Amino acid sequence: MTTSPATHLPPDHPLSRGLTSESALLNQYRGSRTSTGAAAKPERRPVWFMRQAGRSLPEYRKLREGTSMLDSCLNPELASEITLQPVRRHDVDAAIFFSDIVIPLRLAGVGVEIKPGVGPVLDAPVRTAADVAALPELDDAAFAPITEAIERTTAELGRVPLIGFAGAPFTLAAYMVEGRPSRDHLGPRAMMHADPQTWNALAAWAADVSGRFMRAQLMAGASAAQLFDSWAGSLGRADYQQHVLPHSAAAFSYVSGLGPADGAPAPLVHFGTGTSEILDLLKTAGADVIGVDYRLDLTEATRRLGPQTPLQGNIDPAYLPAEWPVLEAHIRQVVAAGSAAAGHVLNLGHGVPPETDPEVLTRVVELIHSIGP
């Protein structure tokens, strides 16, 4: 059963209570460099890392022993603890909810597992109109473990904001068509042209579950949300604009304007890999902030998007094993390149590699915090 959506965040939400609304992260997400007054001067330059919850942390690997990825995501106590670990260790300025983009599929009843060394693998690919018509409807009650995990997490975070996330419709649908990870995503790209009606039905289903997944996280206590399009970079501009953009916009529509009854809406971030040539289209989908991967200098990103668009990114993960002077110089260059944007949150231009030394990440955070806002 799907209930009628609320129009505002609950009164006990961290944004409604003012706990996270003036955080350094939200300050930059809202483009405070273009405003005046104290709100334009956060106490420090904000940074967090995609995939900071897990992967490189020994405490994460110990906690995950004997538990599958998706089972970990749906265990509220475990998911909350994993979400909190990098905040304690690194002093980052936000937590990113520990979950996976295929969790909405699992919650809807679609057979899917994360196979180590492979990625998401479905019991059966979705390739025909009949396959799409047979997809189950996601019941809002299925979000109960997500809600509990976020409530546990925000109770511990206090004034540190939690970021919710979901996979963008194209990336989610791409996994569903291929049935597993793919290098070229030829299956979903071919479906767009060979059977556009089935493609649109599948992408609409994916937009619905992703949008509702983001909304559930925000309603439960997240202070911002990010739509993550891992595979959009495999598309040409025309294909993205015609066959994907409307569905990404539909996913964002579930959370657009969602905020406290008397406050600003929760900021929305849109990030994709290999998307330098469609950054403007990502913004059109409904995001407030655009994440930029390591392939494009932030100065150029600001030129393409305009100085009023806050940015997130884009430290190259390949620099993390380098000698410290090399890594430090790169970080300072990224900080300088992001200075023309309305706001800038430091992040990696993709996720934390699993072999990363956690002490290096902690040192990176300390450096970024030492550079005045």
Protein backbone atom coordinates (compact mmCIF):
# COMPACT_ATOMS: atom_id res chain seq x y z
CA MET A 1 0.00 0.00 0.00
CA THR A 2 1.27 3.47 -0.90
CA THR A 3 0.22 6.33 1.34
CA SER A 4 -0.37 9.94 0.30
CA PRO A 5 2.96 11.79 0.54
CA ALA A 6 3.46 14.45 3.20
CA THR A 7 4.26 17.93 1.94
CA HIS A 8 6.72 18.83 4.73
CA LEU A 9 9.36 17.11 6.81
CA PRO A 10 8.21 16.03 10.29
CA PRO A 11 8.58 18.53 13.17
CA ASP A 12 11.18 16.31 14.88
CA HIS A 13 13.36 16.16 11.75
CA PRO A 14 16.93 17.54 12.17
CA LEU A 15 16.16 20.29 9.64
CA SER A 16 12.86 21.19 11.33
CA ARG A 17 14.64 21.40 14.69
CA GLY A 18 17.46 23.51 13.25
CA LEU A 19 20.14 20.97 14.12
CA THR A 20 21.66 20.68 10.64
CA SER A 21 20.22 23.66 8.78
CA GLU A 22 23.27 25.88 9.45
CA SER A 23 25.88 23.17 8.94
CA ALA A 24 28.88 23.86 6.74
CA LEU A 25 27.65 21.24 4.27
CA LEU A 26 24.17 22.68 3.77
CA ASN A 27 25.63 26.18 3.74
CA GLN A 28 27.62 25.30 0.61
CA TYR A 29 24.91 23.15 -0.94
CA ARG A 30 22.64 26.19 -0.80
CA GLY A 31 25.14 28.40 -2.59
CA SER A 32 25.85 30.65 0.36
CA ARG A 33 28.80 32.33 -1.35
CA THR A 34 26.26 34.36 -3.29
CA SER A 35 24.42 35.47 -0.13
CA THR A 36 25.35 37.95 2.55
CA GLY A 37 25.60 37.78 6.29
CA ALA A 38 26.87 35.22 8.78
CA ALA A 39 25.27 32.31 6.94
CA ALA A 40 27.75 32.84 4.11
CA LYS A 41 30.68 32.07 6.43
CA PRO A 42 30.68 28.43 7.56
CA GLU A 43 33.03 27.48 10.35
CA ARG A 44 35.06 25.26 8.02
CA ARG A 45 35.26 24.02 4.45
CA PRO A 46 33.03 20.92 4.18
CA VAL A 47 34.14 17.53 2.89
CA TRP A 48 32.74 14.00 2.74
CA PHE A 49 33.53 11.02 0.52
CA MET A 50 31.32 8.81 -1.57
CA ARG A 51 31.61 5.22 -0.33
CA GLN A 52 33.17 6.46 2.91
CA ALA A 53 30.80 4.14 4.79
CA GLY A 54 32.67 0.87 4.49
CA ARG A 55 35.17 -0.40 1.94
CA SER A 56 38.48 0.93 3.25
CA LEU A 57 37.77 0.76 7.00
CA PRO A 58 39.00 -2.27 8.97
CA GLU A 59 36.21 -1.75 11.51
CA TYR A 60 33.71 -2.03 8.64
CA ARG A 61 35.20 -5.26 7.34
CA LYS A 62 35.14 -6.76 10.82
CA LEU A 63 31.52 -5.74 11.37
CA ARG A 64 30.44 -7.15 7.99
CA GLU A 65 31.97 -10.59 8.54
CA GLY A 66 29.45 -13.31 7.74
CA THR A 67 26.76 -10.91 6.49
CA SER A 68 25.92 -10.26 2.86
CA MET A 69 25.94 -6.72 1.51
CA LEU A 70 22.18 -6.37 1.07
CA ASP A 71 21.43 -8.05 4.40
CA SER A 72 23.80 -5.56 6.04
CA CYS A 73 21.92 -2.69 4.42
CA LEU A 74 18.60 -3.96 5.75
CA ASN A 75 19.82 -4.55 9.31
CA PRO A 76 19.03 -1.19 10.98
CA GLU A 77 21.59 -1.55 13.78
CA LEU A 78 24.35 -2.63 11.39
CA ALA A 79 23.54 -0.04 8.71
CA SER A 80 23.51 2.73 11.30
CA GLU A 81 26.85 1.73 12.82
CA ILE A 82 28.51 1.48 9.40
CA THR A 83 27.14 4.92 8.46
CA LEU A 84 28.61 6.42 11.63
CA GLN A 85 32.08 4.84 11.42
CA PRO A 86 33.70 7.30 8.97
CA VAL A 87 32.28 10.30 10.81
CA ARG A 88 33.95 9.15 14.01
CA ARG A 89 37.22 8.23 12.30
CA HIS A 90 37.67 11.03 9.75
CA ASP A 91 35.64 13.95 11.18
CA VAL A 92 33.92 14.41 7.81
CA ASP A 93 31.15 17.01 7.58
CA ALA A 94 28.38 14.59 6.59
CA ALA A 95 27.43 10.96 6.87
CA ILE A 96 26.27 9.14 3.75
CA PHE A 97 23.65 6.52 4.49
CA PHE A 98 25.01 3.00 4.15
CA SER A 99 22.84 1.30 1.57
CA ASP A 100 22.90 0.25 -2.07
CA ILE A 101 21.10 1.45 -5.17
CA VAL A 102 19.44 -1.97 -5.65
CA ILE A 103 17.87 -1.96 -2.18
CA PRO A 104 14.54 -0.66 -3.61
CA LEU A 105 14.50 -3.68 -5.93
CA ARG A 106 15.02 -6.03 -2.99
CA LEU A 107 12.33 -4.22 -0.97
CA ALA A 108 9.89 -4.52 -3.87
CA GLY A 109 10.50 -8.26 -4.09
CA VAL A 110 12.80 -8.39 -7.12
CA GLY A 111 15.41 -11.15 -6.77
CA VAL A 112 18.83 -9.48 -6.58
CA GLU A 113 22.11 -10.05 -4.77
CA ILE A 114 25.47 -8.28 -4.63
CA LYS A 115 28.07 -10.84 -5.65
CA PRO A 116 31.58 -10.07 -4.33
CA GLY A 117 33.88 -9.05 -7.14
CA VAL A 118 30.98 -8.78 -9.58
CA GLY A 119 28.28 -6.40 -8.32
CA PRO A 120 24.47 -6.54 -8.53
CA VAL A 121 23.16 -9.74 -10.12
CA LEU A 122 19.44 -10.29 -10.72
CA ASP A 123 17.71 -13.65 -10.64
CA ALA A 124 16.23 -12.83 -14.06
CA PRO A 125 16.87 -9.88 -16.42
CA VAL A 126 13.99 -7.56 -17.36
CA ARG A 127 13.96 -7.36 -21.16
CA THR A 128 10.41 -7.53 -22.49
CA ALA A 129 7.14 -5.69 -22.04
CA ALA A 130 5.83 -8.73 -20.16
CA ASP A 131 8.85 -8.64 -17.83
CA VAL A 132 8.17 -4.99 -17.02
CA ALA A 133 4.45 -5.57 -16.54
CA ALA A 134 5.27 -8.33 -14.04
CA LEU A 135 7.44 -6.08 -11.84
CA PRO A 136 5.97 -5.77 -8.33
CA GLU A 137 4.77 -2.55 -6.77
CA LEU A 138 6.91 -1.27 -3.92
CA ASP A 139 4.91 -0.96 -0.70
CA ASP A 140 5.80 2.02 1.52
CA ALA A 141 5.70 -0.32 4.53
CA ALA A 142 8.81 -2.03 3.13
CA PHE A 143 10.87 1.05 4.04
CA ALA A 144 10.57 0.24 7.78
CA PRO A 145 14.20 -0.96 8.16
CA ILE A 146 15.43 2.13 6.29
CA THR A 147 13.44 4.43 8.55
CA GLU A 148 14.71 2.71 11.69
CA ALA A 149 18.33 2.81 10.54
CA ILE A 150 18.14 6.52 9.75
CA GLU A 151 16.43 7.36 13.02
CA ARG A 152 19.18 5.51 14.90
CA THR A 153 21.83 7.31 12.88
CA THR A 154 20.53 10.86 13.19
CA ALA A 155 20.10 10.40 16.94
CA GLU A 156 23.87 9.83 17.12
CA LEU A 157 24.89 12.43 14.53
CA GLY A 158 23.32 15.44 16.24
CA ARG A 159 24.34 18.47 14.18
CA VAL A 160 26.19 16.47 11.51
CA PRO A 161 23.90 16.07 8.49
CA LEU A 162 23.02 12.72 6.98
CA ILE A 163 22.86 12.43 3.19
CA GLY A 164 20.40 9.96 1.68
CA PHE A 165 20.86 8.60 -1.82
CA ALA A 166 19.35 6.53 -4.57
CA GLY A 167 20.41 5.18 -7.92
CA ALA A 168 19.22 7.17 -10.92
CA PRO A 169 16.63 5.46 -13.14
CA PHE A 170 19.04 4.77 -16.01
CA THR A 171 21.62 3.06 -13.82
CA LEU A 172 18.98 1.03 -12.01
CA ALA A 173 17.28 0.04 -15.27
CA ALA A 174 20.63 -0.79 -16.87
CA TYR A 175 21.32 -3.38 -14.18
CA MET A 176 17.81 -4.76 -14.63
CA VAL A 177 18.12 -5.18 -18.40
CA GLU A 178 21.60 -6.67 -18.34
CA GLY A 179 20.93 -8.70 -15.20
CA ARG A 180 24.42 -7.86 -13.97
CA PRO A 181 27.13 -5.18 -14.45
CA SER A 182 28.09 -4.40 -18.04
CA ARG A 183 30.95 -2.55 -19.69
CA ASP A 184 29.02 -0.87 -22.50
CA HIS A 185 25.38 -1.11 -21.33
CA LEU A 186 24.40 -2.09 -24.85
CA GLY A 187 21.22 -3.83 -23.66
CA PRO A 188 19.47 -0.79 -22.17
CA ARG A 189 20.80 1.49 -24.92
CA ALA A 190 19.45 -0.85 -27.59
CA MET A 191 16.08 -1.08 -25.83
CA MET A 192 15.70 2.71 -26.01
CA HIS A 193 15.67 2.50 -29.81
CA ALA A 194 14.38 -0.99 -30.56
CA ASP A 195 11.55 -0.97 -28.02
CA PRO A 196 11.12 2.56 -26.63
CA GLN A 197 7.71 1.81 -25.11
CA THR A 198 9.14 -0.99 -22.96
CA TRP A 199 12.17 1.16 -22.09
CA ASN A 200 9.99 4.03 -20.91
CA ALA A 201 7.84 1.69 -18.83
CA LEU A 202 10.92 0.17 -17.18
CA ALA A 203 12.60 3.54 -16.58
CA ALA A 204 9.35 4.90 -15.12
CA TRP A 205 9.22 1.95 -12.70
CA ALA A 206 12.83 2.60 -11.73
CA ALA A 207 12.14 6.33 -11.26
CA ASP A 208 9.24 5.51 -8.97
CA VAL A 209 11.18 3.20 -6.65
CA SER A 210 14.28 5.44 -6.63
CA GLY A 211 12.27 8.59 -5.95
CA ARG A 212 10.35 6.94 -3.14
CA PHE A 213 13.58 5.52 -1.70
CA MET A 214 15.07 9.03 -1.54
CA ARG A 215 11.88 10.40 -0.06
CA ALA A 216 11.77 7.73 2.65
CA GLN A 217 15.32 8.65 3.69
CA LEU A 218 14.56 12.36 3.84
CA MET A 219 11.34 11.86 5.78
CA ALA A 220 13.19 9.66 8.28
CA GLY A 221 15.90 12.23 9.01
CA ALA A 222 18.33 12.78 6.13
CA SER A 223 19.10 16.46 5.54
CA ALA A 224 20.06 16.16 1.84
CA ALA A 225 19.79 13.55 -0.90
CA GLN A 226 21.91 12.53 -3.87
CA LEU A 227 20.80 10.82 -7.08
CA PHE A 228 23.71 8.73 -8.30
CA ASP A 229 23.92 7.83 -12.02
CA SER A 230 26.84 5.43 -12.29
CA TRP A 231 26.36 4.62 -15.97
CA ALA A 232 24.96 7.80 -17.57
CA GLY A 233 28.40 8.47 -19.04
CA SER A 234 27.81 5.61 -21.49
CA LEU A 235 25.09 7.65 -23.21
CA GLY A 236 25.29 10.21 -25.96
CA ARG A 237 23.81 13.61 -25.23
CA ALA A 238 20.73 13.09 -27.43
CA ASP A 239 19.95 9.71 -25.90
CA TYR A 240 20.28 11.09 -22.38
CA GLN A 241 18.06 14.06 -23.15
CA GLN A 242 15.31 12.06 -24.83
CA HIS A 243 15.31 8.72 -23.04
CA VAL A 244 16.75 9.35 -19.56
CA LEU A 245 16.36 12.97 -18.45
CA PRO A 246 12.54 12.80 -18.08
CA HIS A 247 12.88 9.79 -15.79
CA SER A 248 15.61 11.36 -13.64
CA ALA A 249 13.39 14.42 -13.33
CA ALA A 250 10.53 12.13 -12.27
CA ALA A 251 12.71 10.62 -9.52
CA PHE A 252 13.62 14.08 -8.25
CA SER A 253 9.95 15.10 -8.27
CA TYR A 254 9.36 12.87 -5.24
CA VAL A 255 11.66 15.05 -3.11
CA SER A 256 11.64 18.45 -4.81
CA GLY A 257 10.77 21.20 -2.34
CA LEU A 258 10.60 18.79 0.59
CA GLY A 259 11.63 20.65 3.73
CA PRO A 260 10.49 21.96 7.10
CA ALA A 261 7.16 23.76 7.25
CA ASP A 262 8.97 27.06 7.87
CA GLY A 263 12.40 26.46 6.34
CA ALA A 264 14.38 25.88 3.18
CA PRO A 265 13.98 22.53 1.36
CA ALA A 266 16.54 19.77 1.75
CA PRO A 267 19.24 20.24 -0.93
CA LEU A 268 19.36 17.74 -3.79
CA VAL A 269 22.58 16.59 -5.48
CA HIS A 270 22.96 14.94 -8.88
CA PHE A 271 26.14 13.02 -9.61
CA GLY A 272 27.18 10.83 -12.50
CA THR A 273 30.44 9.37 -13.75
CA GLY A 274 31.69 10.32 -17.19
CA THR A 275 28.99 12.98 -17.48
CA SER A 276 31.10 16.06 -18.28
CA GLU A 277 29.29 16.64 -21.58
CA ILE A 278 25.81 16.49 -20.04
CA LEU A 279 26.32 18.40 -16.76
CA ASP A 280 23.79 21.00 -17.81
CA LEU A 281 21.21 18.28 -18.43
CA LEU A 282 21.88 16.75 -15.01
CA LYS A 283 21.09 20.14 -13.52
CA THR A 284 17.90 20.40 -15.57
CA ALA A 285 16.65 17.19 -13.98
CA GLY A 286 16.00 19.06 -10.75
CA ALA A 287 19.17 19.14 -8.65
CA ASP A 288 20.43 22.07 -6.59
CA VAL A 289 24.03 20.82 -6.59
CA ILE A 290 26.00 19.08 -9.33
CA GLY A 291 28.63 16.50 -8.47
CA VAL A 292 31.56 16.52 -10.87
CA ASP A 293 33.78 13.50 -11.40
CA TYR A 294 37.57 13.67 -11.67
CA ARG A 295 37.59 14.09 -15.46
CA LEU A 296 36.58 17.76 -15.55
CA ASP A 297 38.26 20.73 -13.88
CA LEU A 298 35.82 22.57 -11.60
CA THR A 299 36.66 25.89 -13.24
CA GLU A 300 35.33 24.50 -16.51
CA ALA A 301 32.33 22.98 -14.72
CA THR A 302 31.43 26.43 -13.40
CA ARG A 303 31.84 27.91 -16.88
CA ARG A 304 29.41 25.33 -18.27
CA LEU A 305 26.86 25.50 -15.45
CA GLY A 306 27.15 29.15 -14.43
CA PRO A 307 28.49 30.62 -11.17
CA GLN A 308 25.15 30.24 -9.38
CA THR A 309 25.41 26.42 -9.34
CA PRO A 310 26.99 24.85 -6.24
CA LEU A 311 29.43 22.04 -7.00
CA GLN A 312 30.58 18.88 -5.28
CA GLY A 313 33.91 17.18 -5.99
CA ASN A 314 36.31 16.35 -7.42
CA ILE A 315 39.54 14.99 -5.90
CA ASP A 316 40.89 12.25 -8.16
CA PRO A 317 40.98 8.94 -6.20
CA ALA A 318 44.13 8.00 -8.17
CA TYR A 319 46.05 10.60 -6.12
CA LEU A 320 45.28 8.94 -2.76
CA PRO A 321 48.29 6.53 -2.85
CA ALA A 322 50.66 9.29 -4.04
CA GLU A 323 53.32 10.96 -1.90
CA TRP A 324 51.71 13.52 0.41
CA PRO A 325 53.13 16.64 -1.33
CA VAL A 326 51.63 15.43 -4.62
CA LEU A 327 48.24 14.72 -3.03
CA GLU A 328 48.24 17.98 -1.10
CA ALA A 329 49.01 20.02 -4.23
CA HIS A 330 46.16 18.30 -6.06
CA ILE A 331 43.69 19.00 -3.25
CA ARG A 332 44.68 22.66 -3.11
CA GLN A 333 44.20 22.88 -6.87
CA VAL A 334 40.69 21.41 -6.54
CA VAL A 335 39.87 23.91 -3.77
CA ALA A 336 41.06 26.78 -5.97
CA ALA A 337 39.17 25.51 -9.01
CA GLY A 338 35.94 25.32 -7.01
CA SER A 339 36.24 28.85 -5.66
CA ALA A 340 34.20 30.47 -8.44
CA ALA A 341 31.09 28.36 -7.80
CA ALA A 342 28.26 29.55 -5.55
CA GLY A 343 29.19 26.77 -3.14
CA HIS A 344 31.69 23.95 -3.06
CA VAL A 345 31.71 20.72 -1.05
CA LEU A 346 34.94 18.74 -1.37
CA ASN A 347 34.55 15.10 -2.32
CA LEU A 348 36.24 12.50 -4.45
CA GLY A 349 35.50 12.47 -8.16
CA HIS A 350 34.20 8.94 -7.51
CA GLY A 351 34.08 6.59 -4.53
CA VAL A 352 36.77 5.63 -2.03
CA PRO A 353 38.84 2.75 -3.48
CA PRO A 354 38.74 -0.24 -1.09
CA GLU A 355 42.53 -0.36 -0.79
CA THR A 356 42.77 3.25 0.43
CA ASP A 357 44.73 3.82 3.65
CA PRO A 358 42.18 5.29 6.11
CA GLU A 359 44.90 7.44 7.67
CA VAL A 360 45.34 9.17 4.32
CA LEU A 361 41.64 10.08 4.23
CA THR A 362 41.83 11.45 7.75
CA ARG A 363 44.82 13.58 6.76
CA VAL A 364 42.96 14.81 3.67
CA VAL A 365 40.04 15.94 5.85
CA GLU A 366 42.41 17.73 8.23
CA LEU A 367 44.05 19.54 5.30
CA ILE A 368 40.71 20.64 3.83
CA HIS A 369 39.52 21.90 7.21
CA SER A 370 42.76 23.84 7.60
CA ILE A 371 42.13 25.79 4.39
CA GLY A 372 39.95 28.70 5.38
CA PRO A 373 36.38 28.79 4.03
